[in-house]
Full PDB file with SEQRES, HELIX, SHEET, SSBOND, CRYST1, ORIGX, SCALE, CONECT and MASTER records, all heavy atoms in Angstrom:
SEQRES   1 A   42  LEU VAL ALA LEU ALA GLY CYS GLY ALA ASP GLY ALA PRO          
SEQRES   2 A   42  ILE ARG PRO VAL ALA ASN LEU GLY LEU THR VAL ASN GLN          
SEQRES   3 A   42  ASN GLY GLN LEU ALA THR SER CYS ASN VAL GLY GLY THR          
SEQRES   4 A   42  ASN GLY THR                                                  
HELIX    1 AA1 VAL A    2  GLY A    6  1                                   5    
SHEET    1 AA1 2 ARG A  15  VAL A  24  0                                        
SHEET    2 AA1 2 LEU A  30  THR A  39 -1                                        
CRYST1    1.000    1.000    1.000  90.00  90.00  90.00 P 1           1          
ORIGX1      1.000000  0.000000  0.000000        0.00000                         
ORIGX2      0.000000  1.000000  0.000000        0.00000                         
ORIGX3      0.000000  0.000000  1.000000        0.00000                         
SCALE1      1.000000  0.000000  0.000000        0.00000                         
SCALE2      0.000000  1.000000  0.000000        0.00000                         
SCALE3      0.000000  0.000000  1.000000        0.00000                         
ATOM      1  N   LEU A   1     -26.300  13.677   0.436  1.00  0.00           N  
ATOM      2  CA  LEU A   1     -26.086  12.323   0.929  1.00  0.00           C  
ATOM      3  C   LEU A   1     -26.452  11.277  -0.118  1.00  0.00           C  
ATOM      4  O   LEU A   1     -25.760  10.273  -0.286  1.00  0.00           O  
ATOM      5  CB  LEU A   1     -26.889  12.092   2.213  1.00  0.00           C  
ATOM      6  CG  LEU A   1     -26.374  12.829   3.444  1.00  0.00           C  
ATOM      7  CD1 LEU A   1     -27.329  12.633   4.615  1.00  0.00           C  
ATOM      8  CD2 LEU A   1     -24.978  12.373   3.802  1.00  0.00           C  
ATOM      9  N   VAL A   2     -27.529  11.513  -0.856  1.00  0.00           N  
ATOM     10  CA  VAL A   2     -27.930  10.583  -1.909  1.00  0.00           C  
ATOM     11  C   VAL A   2     -26.875  10.562  -3.018  1.00  0.00           C  
ATOM     12  O   VAL A   2     -26.522   9.496  -3.536  1.00  0.00           O  
ATOM     13  CB  VAL A   2     -29.317  10.962  -2.464  1.00  0.00           C  
ATOM     14  CG1 VAL A   2     -29.631  10.201  -3.731  1.00  0.00           C  
ATOM     15  CG2 VAL A   2     -30.388  10.727  -1.419  1.00  0.00           C  
ATOM     16  N   ALA A   3     -26.334  11.711  -3.369  1.00  0.00           N  
ATOM     17  CA  ALA A   3     -25.312  11.774  -4.409  1.00  0.00           C  
ATOM     18  C   ALA A   3     -24.033  11.056  -3.961  1.00  0.00           C  
ATOM     19  O   ALA A   3     -23.417  10.333  -4.751  1.00  0.00           O  
ATOM     20  CB  ALA A   3     -25.011  13.222  -4.767  1.00  0.00           C  
ATOM     21  N   LEU A   4     -23.631  11.230  -2.711  1.00  0.00           N  
ATOM     22  CA  LEU A   4     -22.438  10.544  -2.206  1.00  0.00           C  
ATOM     23  C   LEU A   4     -22.635   9.037  -2.179  1.00  0.00           C  
ATOM     24  O   LEU A   4     -21.732   8.275  -2.525  1.00  0.00           O  
ATOM     25  CB  LEU A   4     -22.090  11.051  -0.809  1.00  0.00           C  
ATOM     26  CG  LEU A   4     -21.426  12.417  -0.739  1.00  0.00           C  
ATOM     27  CD1 LEU A   4     -21.257  12.844   0.710  1.00  0.00           C  
ATOM     28  CD2 LEU A   4     -20.095  12.400  -1.438  1.00  0.00           C  
ATOM     29  N   ALA A   5     -23.797   8.583  -1.774  1.00  0.00           N  
ATOM     30  CA  ALA A   5     -24.073   7.149  -1.751  1.00  0.00           C  
ATOM     31  C   ALA A   5     -24.101   6.584  -3.170  1.00  0.00           C  
ATOM     32  O   ALA A   5     -23.672   5.458  -3.406  1.00  0.00           O  
ATOM     33  CB  ALA A   5     -25.393   6.883  -1.044  1.00  0.00           C  
ATOM     34  N   GLY A   6     -24.577   7.359  -4.120  1.00  0.00           N  
ATOM     35  CA  GLY A   6     -24.661   6.909  -5.503  1.00  0.00           C  
ATOM     36  C   GLY A   6     -23.313   6.801  -6.184  1.00  0.00           C  
ATOM     37  O   GLY A   6     -23.126   5.995  -7.088  1.00  0.00           O  
ATOM     38  N   CYS A   7     -22.329   7.585  -5.767  1.00  0.00           N  
ATOM     39  CA  CYS A   7     -21.032   7.554  -6.435  1.00  0.00           C  
ATOM     40  C   CYS A   7     -20.051   6.608  -5.760  1.00  0.00           C  
ATOM     41  O   CYS A   7     -18.892   6.540  -6.134  1.00  0.00           O  
ATOM     42  CB  CYS A   7     -20.443   8.964  -6.535  1.00  0.00           C  
ATOM     43  SG  CYS A   7     -19.809   9.591  -4.974  1.00  0.00           S  
ATOM     44  N   GLY A   8     -20.477   5.888  -4.757  1.00  0.00           N  
ATOM     45  CA  GLY A   8     -19.613   4.903  -4.118  1.00  0.00           C  
ATOM     46  C   GLY A   8     -18.789   5.446  -2.981  1.00  0.00           C  
ATOM     47  O   GLY A   8     -17.776   4.853  -2.624  1.00  0.00           O  
ATOM     48  N   ALA A   9     -19.177   6.538  -2.378  1.00  0.00           N  
ATOM     49  CA  ALA A   9     -18.423   7.097  -1.267  1.00  0.00           C  
ATOM     50  C   ALA A   9     -18.426   6.167  -0.059  1.00  0.00           C  
ATOM     51  O   ALA A   9     -17.564   6.261   0.795  1.00  0.00           O  
ATOM     52  CB  ALA A   9     -18.979   8.465  -0.875  1.00  0.00           C  
ATOM     53  N   ASP A  10     -19.380   5.271   0.002  1.00  0.00           N  
ATOM     54  CA  ASP A  10     -19.428   4.312   1.099  1.00  0.00           C  
ATOM     55  C   ASP A  10     -18.917   2.948   0.644  1.00  0.00           C  
ATOM     56  O   ASP A  10     -19.331   1.917   1.144  1.00  0.00           O  
ATOM     57  CB  ASP A  10     -20.842   4.195   1.639  1.00  0.00           C  
ATOM     58  CG  ASP A  10     -21.832   3.717   0.584  1.00  0.00           C  
ATOM     59  OD1 ASP A  10     -21.480   3.764  -0.603  1.00  0.00           O  
ATOM     60  OD2 ASP A  10     -22.935   3.316   0.948  1.00  0.00           O  
ATOM     61  N   GLY A  11     -17.992   2.946  -0.278  1.00  0.00           N  
ATOM     62  CA  GLY A  11     -17.480   1.720  -0.893  1.00  0.00           C  
ATOM     63  C   GLY A  11     -16.550   0.944   0.016  1.00  0.00           C  
ATOM     64  O   GLY A  11     -16.571   1.065   1.237  1.00  0.00           O  
ATOM     65  N   ALA A  12     -15.719   0.138  -0.590  1.00  0.00           N  
ATOM     66  CA  ALA A  12     -14.827  -0.758   0.135  1.00  0.00           C  
ATOM     67  C   ALA A  12     -13.841   0.023   0.999  1.00  0.00           C  
ATOM     68  O   ALA A  12     -13.384   1.098   0.613  1.00  0.00           O  
ATOM     69  CB  ALA A  12     -14.062  -1.619  -0.861  1.00  0.00           C  
ATOM     70  N   PRO A  13     -13.509  -0.518   2.170  1.00  0.00           N  
ATOM     71  CA  PRO A  13     -12.544   0.168   3.038  1.00  0.00           C  
ATOM     72  C   PRO A  13     -11.136   0.076   2.474  1.00  0.00           C  
ATOM     73  O   PRO A  13     -10.827  -0.806   1.659  1.00  0.00           O  
ATOM     74  CB  PRO A  13     -12.641  -0.609   4.354  1.00  0.00           C  
ATOM     75  CG  PRO A  13     -13.136  -1.953   3.960  1.00  0.00           C  
ATOM     76  CD  PRO A  13     -14.019  -1.738   2.769  1.00  0.00           C  
ATOM     77  N   ILE A  14     -10.291   0.971   2.909  1.00  0.00           N  
ATOM     78  CA  ILE A  14      -8.905   0.992   2.458  1.00  0.00           C  
ATOM     79  C   ILE A  14      -8.112  -0.041   3.260  1.00  0.00           C  
ATOM     80  O   ILE A  14      -8.146  -0.039   4.486  1.00  0.00           O  
ATOM     81  CB  ILE A  14      -8.295   2.394   2.600  1.00  0.00           C  
ATOM     82  CG1 ILE A  14      -9.027   3.350   1.669  1.00  0.00           C  
ATOM     83  CG2 ILE A  14      -6.808   2.372   2.304  1.00  0.00           C  
ATOM     84  CD1 ILE A  14      -8.574   4.772   1.758  1.00  0.00           C  
ATOM     85  N   ARG A  15      -7.417  -0.933   2.553  1.00  0.00           N  
ATOM     86  CA  ARG A  15      -6.624  -1.982   3.172  1.00  0.00           C  
ATOM     87  C   ARG A  15      -5.164  -1.542   3.198  1.00  0.00           C  
ATOM     88  O   ARG A  15      -4.610  -1.166   2.162  1.00  0.00           O  
ATOM     89  CB  ARG A  15      -6.777  -3.263   2.358  1.00  0.00           C  
ATOM     90  CG  ARG A  15      -6.079  -4.463   2.932  1.00  0.00           C  
ATOM     91  CD  ARG A  15      -6.425  -5.724   2.151  1.00  0.00           C  
ATOM     92  NE  ARG A  15      -6.569  -5.485   0.730  1.00  0.00           N  
ATOM     93  CZ  ARG A  15      -5.706  -5.912  -0.186  1.00  0.00           C  
ATOM     94  NH1 ARG A  15      -4.656  -6.598   0.174  1.00  0.00           N  
ATOM     95  NH2 ARG A  15      -5.904  -5.659  -1.461  1.00  0.00           N  
ATOM     96  N   PRO A  16      -4.509  -1.578   4.359  1.00  0.00           N  
ATOM     97  CA  PRO A  16      -3.101  -1.170   4.416  1.00  0.00           C  
ATOM     98  C   PRO A  16      -2.198  -2.180   3.715  1.00  0.00           C  
ATOM     99  O   PRO A  16      -2.462  -3.382   3.722  1.00  0.00           O  
ATOM    100  CB  PRO A  16      -2.801  -1.119   5.912  1.00  0.00           C  
ATOM    101  CG  PRO A  16      -3.838  -1.948   6.556  1.00  0.00           C  
ATOM    102  CD  PRO A  16      -5.035  -1.949   5.669  1.00  0.00           C  
ATOM    103  N   VAL A  17      -1.125  -1.664   3.103  1.00  0.00           N  
ATOM    104  CA  VAL A  17      -0.157  -2.492   2.381  1.00  0.00           C  
ATOM    105  C   VAL A  17       1.244  -2.060   2.806  1.00  0.00           C  
ATOM    106  O   VAL A  17       1.525  -0.873   2.909  1.00  0.00           O  
ATOM    107  CB  VAL A  17      -0.322  -2.310   0.856  1.00  0.00           C  
ATOM    108  CG1 VAL A  17       0.722  -3.108   0.101  1.00  0.00           C  
ATOM    109  CG2 VAL A  17      -1.708  -2.706   0.422  1.00  0.00           C  
ATOM    110  N   ALA A  18       2.121  -3.040   3.051  1.00  0.00           N  
ATOM    111  CA  ALA A  18       3.515  -2.732   3.392  1.00  0.00           C  
ATOM    112  C   ALA A  18       4.426  -3.744   2.716  1.00  0.00           C  
ATOM    113  O   ALA A  18       4.144  -4.943   2.715  1.00  0.00           O  
ATOM    114  CB  ALA A  18       3.722  -2.770   4.900  1.00  0.00           C  
ATOM    115  N   ASN A  19       5.500  -3.263   2.115  1.00  0.00           N  
ATOM    116  CA  ASN A  19       6.523  -4.107   1.502  1.00  0.00           C  
ATOM    117  C   ASN A  19       7.865  -3.709   2.101  1.00  0.00           C  
ATOM    118  O   ASN A  19       8.269  -2.557   2.035  1.00  0.00           O  
ATOM    119  CB  ASN A  19       6.564  -3.927  -0.015  1.00  0.00           C  
ATOM    120  CG  ASN A  19       5.303  -4.399  -0.682  1.00  0.00           C  
ATOM    121  OD1 ASN A  19       4.788  -5.451  -0.343  1.00  0.00           O  
ATOM    122  ND2 ASN A  19       4.797  -3.618  -1.613  1.00  0.00           N  
ATOM    123  N   LEU A  20       8.558  -4.679   2.665  1.00  0.00           N  
ATOM    124  CA  LEU A  20       9.870  -4.442   3.258  1.00  0.00           C  
ATOM    125  C   LEU A  20      10.887  -5.318   2.556  1.00  0.00           C  
ATOM    126  O   LEU A  20      10.596  -6.469   2.227  1.00  0.00           O  
ATOM    127  CB  LEU A  20       9.847  -4.769   4.754  1.00  0.00           C  
ATOM    128  CG  LEU A  20       8.799  -4.025   5.578  1.00  0.00           C  
ATOM    129  CD1 LEU A  20       8.789  -4.561   6.994  1.00  0.00           C  
ATOM    130  CD2 LEU A  20       9.071  -2.543   5.565  1.00  0.00           C  
ATOM    131  N   GLY A  21      12.093  -4.783   2.325  1.00  0.00           N  
ATOM    132  CA  GLY A  21      13.115  -5.551   1.624  1.00  0.00           C  
ATOM    133  C   GLY A  21      14.490  -5.375   2.241  1.00  0.00           C  
ATOM    134  O   GLY A  21      14.809  -4.325   2.797  1.00  0.00           O  
ATOM    135  N   LEU A  22      15.287  -6.420   2.146  1.00  0.00           N  
ATOM    136  CA  LEU A  22      16.664  -6.399   2.611  1.00  0.00           C  
ATOM    137  C   LEU A  22      17.491  -7.177   1.599  1.00  0.00           C  
ATOM    138  O   LEU A  22      17.203  -8.337   1.300  1.00  0.00           O  
ATOM    139  CB  LEU A  22      16.771  -7.053   3.994  1.00  0.00           C  
ATOM    140  CG  LEU A  22      18.163  -7.155   4.588  1.00  0.00           C  
ATOM    141  CD1 LEU A  22      18.697  -5.769   4.916  1.00  0.00           C  
ATOM    142  CD2 LEU A  22      18.138  -8.024   5.819  1.00  0.00           C  
ATOM    143  N   THR A  23      18.521  -6.524   1.053  1.00  0.00           N  
ATOM    144  CA  THR A  23      19.376  -7.187   0.073  1.00  0.00           C  
ATOM    145  C   THR A  23      20.833  -7.071   0.508  1.00  0.00           C  
ATOM    146  O   THR A  23      21.222  -6.115   1.183  1.00  0.00           O  
ATOM    147  CB  THR A  23      19.228  -6.572  -1.332  1.00  0.00           C  
ATOM    148  OG1 THR A  23      19.512  -5.174  -1.259  1.00  0.00           O  
ATOM    149  CG2 THR A  23      17.836  -6.772  -1.868  1.00  0.00           C  
ATOM    150  N   VAL A  24      21.618  -8.058   0.120  1.00  0.00           N  
ATOM    151  CA  VAL A  24      23.058  -8.082   0.393  1.00  0.00           C  
ATOM    152  C   VAL A  24      23.768  -8.204  -0.946  1.00  0.00           C  
ATOM    153  O   VAL A  24      23.496  -9.126  -1.714  1.00  0.00           O  
ATOM    154  CB  VAL A  24      23.433  -9.275   1.304  1.00  0.00           C  
ATOM    155  CG1 VAL A  24      24.921  -9.286   1.583  1.00  0.00           C  
ATOM    156  CG2 VAL A  24      22.633  -9.246   2.593  1.00  0.00           C  
ATOM    157  N   ASN A  25      24.681  -7.268  -1.234  1.00  0.00           N  
ATOM    158  CA  ASN A  25      25.404  -7.336  -2.512  1.00  0.00           C  
ATOM    159  C   ASN A  25      26.673  -8.185  -2.369  1.00  0.00           C  
ATOM    160  O   ASN A  25      26.948  -8.736  -1.307  1.00  0.00           O  
ATOM    161  CB  ASN A  25      25.699  -5.931  -3.056  1.00  0.00           C  
ATOM    162  CG  ASN A  25      26.698  -5.170  -2.214  1.00  0.00           C  
ATOM    163  OD1 ASN A  25      27.310  -5.701  -1.306  1.00  0.00           O  
ATOM    164  ND2 ASN A  25      26.866  -3.897  -2.527  1.00  0.00           N  
ATOM    165  N   GLN A  26      27.461  -8.275  -3.422  1.00  0.00           N  
ATOM    166  CA  GLN A  26      28.651  -9.132  -3.437  1.00  0.00           C  
ATOM    167  C   GLN A  26      29.724  -8.662  -2.467  1.00  0.00           C  
ATOM    168  O   GLN A  26      30.545  -9.453  -2.020  1.00  0.00           O  
ATOM    169  CB  GLN A  26      29.223  -9.191  -4.847  1.00  0.00           C  
ATOM    170  CG  GLN A  26      28.310  -9.885  -5.828  1.00  0.00           C  
ATOM    171  CD  GLN A  26      28.849  -9.823  -7.247  1.00  0.00           C  
ATOM    172  OE1 GLN A  26      29.770  -9.081  -7.542  1.00  0.00           O  
ATOM    173  NE2 GLN A  26      28.254 -10.612  -8.128  1.00  0.00           N  
ATOM    174  N   ASN A  27      29.728  -7.382  -2.138  1.00  0.00           N  
ATOM    175  CA  ASN A  27      30.724  -6.841  -1.201  1.00  0.00           C  
ATOM    176  C   ASN A  27      30.276  -6.975   0.249  1.00  0.00           C  
ATOM    177  O   ASN A  27      30.979  -6.538   1.149  1.00  0.00           O  
ATOM    178  CB  ASN A  27      30.990  -5.369  -1.503  1.00  0.00           C  
ATOM    179  CG  ASN A  27      31.602  -5.173  -2.875  1.00  0.00           C  
ATOM    180  OD1 ASN A  27      32.334  -6.035  -3.356  1.00  0.00           O  
ATOM    181  ND2 ASN A  27      31.293  -4.055  -3.499  1.00  0.00           N  
ATOM    182  N   GLY A  28      29.117  -7.546   0.498  1.00  0.00           N  
ATOM    183  CA  GLY A  28      28.624  -7.718   1.864  1.00  0.00           C  
ATOM    184  C   GLY A  28      27.876  -6.520   2.400  1.00  0.00           C  
ATOM    185  O   GLY A  28      27.565  -6.468   3.585  1.00  0.00           O  
ATOM    186  N   GLN A  29      27.601  -5.538   1.557  1.00  0.00           N  
ATOM    187  CA  GLN A  29      26.866  -4.359   2.002  1.00  0.00           C  
ATOM    188  C   GLN A  29      25.368  -4.656   2.009  1.00  0.00           C  
ATOM    189  O   GLN A  29      24.849  -5.333   1.128  1.00  0.00           O  
ATOM    190  CB  GLN A  29      27.153  -3.170   1.089  1.00  0.00           C  
ATOM    191  CG  GLN A  29      28.594  -2.733   1.129  1.00  0.00           C  
ATOM    192  CD  GLN A  29      28.865  -1.628   0.107  1.00  0.00           C  
ATOM    193  OE1 GLN A  29      28.211  -1.567  -0.921  1.00  0.00           O  
ATOM    194  NE2 GLN A  29      29.846  -0.789   0.401  1.00  0.00           N  
ATOM    195  N   LEU A  30      24.693  -4.124   3.013  1.00  0.00           N  
ATOM    196  CA  LEU A  30      23.254  -4.313   3.149  1.00  0.00           C  
ATOM    197  C   LEU A  30      22.511  -3.104   2.583  1.00  0.00           C  
ATOM    198  O   LEU A  30      22.942  -1.964   2.748  1.00  0.00           O  
ATOM    199  CB  LEU A  30      22.853  -4.477   4.621  1.00  0.00           C  
ATOM    200  CG  LEU A  30      23.375  -5.707   5.342  1.00  0.00           C  
ATOM    201  CD1 LEU A  30      23.006  -5.648   6.808  1.00  0.00           C  
ATOM    202  CD2 LEU A  30      22.824  -6.960   4.704  1.00  0.00           C  
ATOM    203  N   ALA A  31      21.410  -3.360   1.931  1.00  0.00           N  
ATOM    204  CA  ALA A  31      20.533  -2.291   1.439  1.00  0.00           C  
ATOM    205  C   ALA A  31      19.099  -2.628   1.864  1.00  0.00           C  
ATOM    206  O   ALA A  31      18.656  -3.770   1.721  1.00  0.00           O  
ATOM    207  CB  ALA A  31      20.623  -2.170  -0.071  1.00  0.00           C  
ATOM    208  N   THR A  32      18.418  -1.652   2.409  1.00  0.00           N  
ATOM    209  CA  THR A  32      17.040  -1.869   2.842  1.00  0.00           C  
ATOM    210  C   THR A  32      16.101  -1.028   1.989  1.00  0.00           C  
ATOM    211  O   THR A  32      16.488  -0.002   1.436  1.00  0.00           O  
ATOM    212  CB  THR A  32      16.856  -1.494   4.326  1.00  0.00           C  
ATOM    213  OG1 THR A  32      17.190  -0.118   4.493  1.00  0.00           O  
ATOM    214  CG2 THR A  32      17.730  -2.341   5.222  1.00  0.00           C  
ATOM    215  N   SER A  33      14.869  -1.466   1.920  1.00  0.00           N  
ATOM    216  CA  SER A  33      13.841  -0.701   1.226  1.00  0.00           C  
ATOM    217  C   SER A  33      12.509  -0.941   1.925  1.00  0.00           C  
ATOM    218  O   SER A  33      12.298  -1.993   2.534  1.00  0.00           O  
ATOM    219  CB  SER A  33      13.753  -1.105  -0.245  1.00  0.00           C  
ATOM    220  OG  SER A  33      13.363  -2.456  -0.348  1.00  0.00           O  
ATOM    221  N   CYS A  34      11.633   0.037   1.841  1.00  0.00           N  
ATOM    222  CA  CYS A  34      10.300  -0.143   2.387  1.00  0.00           C  
ATOM    223  C   CYS A  34       9.308   0.692   1.582  1.00  0.00           C  
ATOM    224  O   CYS A  34       9.666   1.700   0.981  1.00  0.00           O  
ATOM    225  CB  CYS A  34      10.229   0.189   3.864  1.00  0.00           C  
ATOM    226  SG  CYS A  34      10.141   1.919   4.277  1.00  0.00           S  
ATOM    227  N   ASN A  35       8.094   0.217   1.542  1.00  0.00           N  
ATOM    228  CA  ASN A  35       7.029   0.859   0.799  1.00  0.00           C  
ATOM    229  C   ASN A  35       5.745   0.629   1.575  1.00  0.00           C  
ATOM    230  O   ASN A  35       5.384  -0.516   1.851  1.00  0.00           O  
ATOM    231  CB  ASN A  35       6.946   0.250  -0.602  1.00  0.00           C  
ATOM    232  CG  ASN A  35       6.079   1.024  -1.536  1.00  0.00           C  
ATOM    233  OD1 ASN A  35       5.508   2.035  -1.163  1.00  0.00           O  
ATOM    234  ND2 ASN A  35       5.965   0.553  -2.752  1.00  0.00           N  
ATOM    235  N   VAL A  36       5.062   1.693   1.979  1.00  0.00           N  
ATOM    236  CA  VAL A  36       3.811   1.571   2.735  1.00  0.00           C  
ATOM    237  C   VAL A  36       2.721   2.339   2.015  1.00  0.00           C  
ATOM    238  O   VAL A  36       2.985   3.279   1.270  1.00  0.00           O  
ATOM    239  CB  VAL A  36       3.965   2.087   4.183  1.00  0.00           C  
ATOM    240  CG1 VAL A  36       4.921   1.230   4.974  1.00  0.00           C  
ATOM    241  CG2 VAL A  36       4.400   3.533   4.212  1.00  0.00           C  
ATOM    242  N   GLY A  37       1.500   1.939   2.236  1.00  0.00           N  
ATOM    243  CA  GLY A  37       0.385   2.627   1.599  1.00  0.00           C  
ATOM    244  C   GLY A  37      -0.922   1.935   1.871  1.00  0.00           C  
ATOM    245  O   GLY A  37      -1.075   1.199   2.845  1.00  0.00           O  
ATOM    246  N   GLY A  38      -1.861   2.153   0.978  1.00  0.00           N  
ATOM    247  CA  GLY A  38      -3.175   1.557   1.122  1.00  0.00           C  
ATOM    248  C   GLY A  38      -3.824   1.348  -0.229  1.00  0.00           C  
ATOM    249  O   GLY A  38      -3.477   2.000  -1.206  1.00  0.00           O  
ATOM    250  N   THR A  39      -4.768   0.403  -0.272  1.00  0.00           N  
ATOM    251  CA  THR A  39      -5.488   0.120  -1.501  1.00  0.00           C  
ATOM    252  C   THR A  39      -6.923  -0.271  -1.171  1.00  0.00           C  
ATOM    253  O   THR A  39      -7.193  -0.805  -0.098  1.00  0.00           O  
ATOM    254  CB  THR A  39      -4.810  -1.003  -2.308  1.00  0.00           C  
ATOM    255  OG1 THR A  39      -5.529  -1.189  -3.518  1.00  0.00           O  
ATOM    256  CG2 THR A  39      -4.758  -2.309  -1.552  1.00  0.00           C  
ATOM    257  N   ASN A  40      -7.814   0.037  -2.081  1.00  0.00           N  
ATOM    258  CA  ASN A  40      -9.201  -0.429  -1.951  1.00  0.00           C  
ATOM    259  C   ASN A  40      -9.567  -1.336  -3.114  1.00  0.00           C  
ATOM    260  O   ASN A  40     -10.733  -1.587  -3.352  1.00  0.00           O  
ATOM    261  CB  ASN A  40     -10.171   0.745  -1.823  1.00  0.00           C  
ATOM    262  CG  ASN A  40     -10.304   1.550  -3.081  1.00  0.00           C  
ATOM    263  OD1 ASN A  40      -9.596   1.313  -4.062  1.00  0.00           O  
ATOM    264  ND2 ASN A  40     -11.197   2.505  -3.090  1.00  0.00           N  
ATOM    265  N   GLY A  41      -8.607  -1.831  -3.844  1.00  0.00           N  
ATOM    266  CA  GLY A  41      -8.835  -2.719  -4.964  1.00  0.00           C  
ATOM    267  C   GLY A  41      -8.748  -1.991  -6.289  1.00  0.00           C  
ATOM    268  O   GLY A  41      -8.211  -2.503  -7.252  1.00  0.00           O  
ATOM    269  N   THR A  42      -9.262  -0.794  -6.357  1.00  0.00           N  
ATOM    270  CA  THR A  42      -9.248  -0.008  -7.588  1.00  0.00           C  
ATOM    271  C   THR A  42      -8.113   1.002  -7.584  1.00  0.00           C  
ATOM    272  O   THR A  42      -7.409   1.175  -8.577  1.00  0.00           O  
ATOM    273  CB  THR A  42     -10.582   0.740  -7.764  1.00  0.00           C  
ATOM    274  OG1 THR A  42     -11.647  -0.207  -7.698  1.00  0.00           O  
ATOM    275  CG2 THR A  42     -10.624   1.477  -9.076  1.00  0.00           C  
TER     276      THR A  42                                                      
MASTER        0    0    0    1    2    0    0    6  275    1    0    4          
END                                                                             
């Protein structure tokens, strides 16, 4: 437990991240994209 506390195991919580995209090209076709995940800063 002391070793885990010393290495930062109780560090910052993981923050959820989501990126959603919608694009329309010259022919009127739609393209979607999405990206989900998490980050703790590092």
